[in-house]
Protein backbone atom coordinates (compact mmCIF):
# COMPACT_ATOMS: atom_id res chain seq x y z
CA LYS A 1 41.78 -124.54 47.99
CA ASN A 2 43.62 -127.12 51.19
CA ASN A 3 43.78 -126.09 54.13
CA ASP A 4 44.85 -128.99 55.72
CA THR A 5 47.75 -127.92 58.32
CA ILE A 6 50.61 -130.18 58.50
CA VAL A 7 52.24 -130.19 62.25
CA THR A 8 55.36 -131.76 62.72
CA ASN A 9 56.46 -131.62 65.86
CA THR A 10 54.75 -133.53 68.85
CA ARG A 11 55.32 -130.48 71.42
CA HIS A 12 53.59 -128.55 69.05
CA TYR A 13 51.12 -130.47 68.31
CA ASP A 14 50.09 -131.57 71.57
CA SER A 15 49.98 -128.82 72.74
CA LEU A 16 47.15 -127.71 69.80
CA LEU A 17 45.26 -130.82 71.06
CA LYS A 18 45.66 -129.46 74.50
CA ALA A 19 44.80 -125.99 73.08
CA LEU A 20 41.98 -127.00 70.93
CA GLU A 21 39.87 -128.49 74.04
CA GLU A 22 40.21 -125.43 76.21
CA VAL A 23 38.53 -123.71 73.32
CA GLN A 24 35.93 -125.84 73.16
CA LYS A 25 35.20 -125.47 76.86
CA VAL A 26 34.79 -121.79 75.59
CA LYS A 27 32.61 -122.27 73.60
CA TYR A 28 30.00 -125.19 75.58
CA GLY A 29 30.24 -122.28 78.11
CA LEU A 30 29.48 -119.73 76.19
CA GLU A 31 26.61 -122.03 74.44
CA THR A 32 25.06 -122.84 77.81
CA GLY A 33 25.53 -119.17 80.24
CA LEU A 34 28.27 -119.87 81.93
CA SER A 35 29.81 -117.57 84.53
CA GLY A 36 32.70 -115.01 82.36
CA ASP A 37 34.91 -115.91 85.47
CA LEU A 38 35.06 -119.33 84.61
CA LEU A 39 35.53 -119.08 81.48
CA ALA A 40 38.25 -116.00 81.59
CA ILE A 41 39.81 -119.48 83.49
CA ASP A 42 39.88 -122.12 80.32
CA ILE A 43 40.64 -118.85 77.80
CA ARG A 44 43.63 -118.55 80.28
CA GLN A 45 44.78 -121.90 79.63
CA ALA A 46 44.28 -121.67 75.81
CA LEU A 47 46.53 -118.99 75.79
CA TYR A 48 48.91 -120.53 77.23
CA TYR A 49 48.93 -124.04 75.54
CA PHE A 50 49.29 -121.20 72.63
CA GLY A 51 52.03 -119.68 74.35
CA GLU A 52 53.65 -122.36 74.18
CA ILE A 53 54.16 -123.11 70.98
CA THR A 54 54.53 -119.55 70.00
CA GLY A 55 57.75 -118.98 72.80
CA GLU A 56 55.64 -116.30 75.02
CA ILE A 57 55.85 -118.97 77.38
CA SER A 58 58.61 -121.01 78.49
CA ASN A 59 59.29 -123.35 81.98
CA ASP A 60 61.28 -120.72 83.30
CA ASP A 61 58.57 -118.32 82.71
CA LEU A 62 55.56 -120.86 84.64
CA LEU A 63 58.44 -121.32 87.57
CA GLY A 64 58.95 -117.49 88.40
CA ASN A 65 55.23 -116.93 88.80
CA ILE A 66 54.58 -120.00 90.64
CA PHE A 67 57.78 -118.41 93.04
CA ALA A 68 56.43 -115.08 92.42
CA ASN A 69 53.26 -116.02 93.60
CA PHE A 70 52.98 -119.07 96.32
CA CYS A 71 54.68 -119.28 99.25
CA ILE A 72 56.51 -122.21 99.69
CA GLY A 73 58.00 -123.29 103.25
CA LYS A 74 56.49 -121.62 105.43
């Protein structure tokens, strides 16, 4: 049985590569005893990239989060 997956959307491909990099960071962090707080950052980043593919994260969500959590102009 062949388990190869073909990704034809360039944006999805880029997001998958970025998610893979974050997952590899988490794996390395687990192997080296990295603190849970730091592992969580990489996990959240991987989920963000997966969300870009599934549509759970949009640019509007990102901008809304930036403006909700940062005070601009003060």
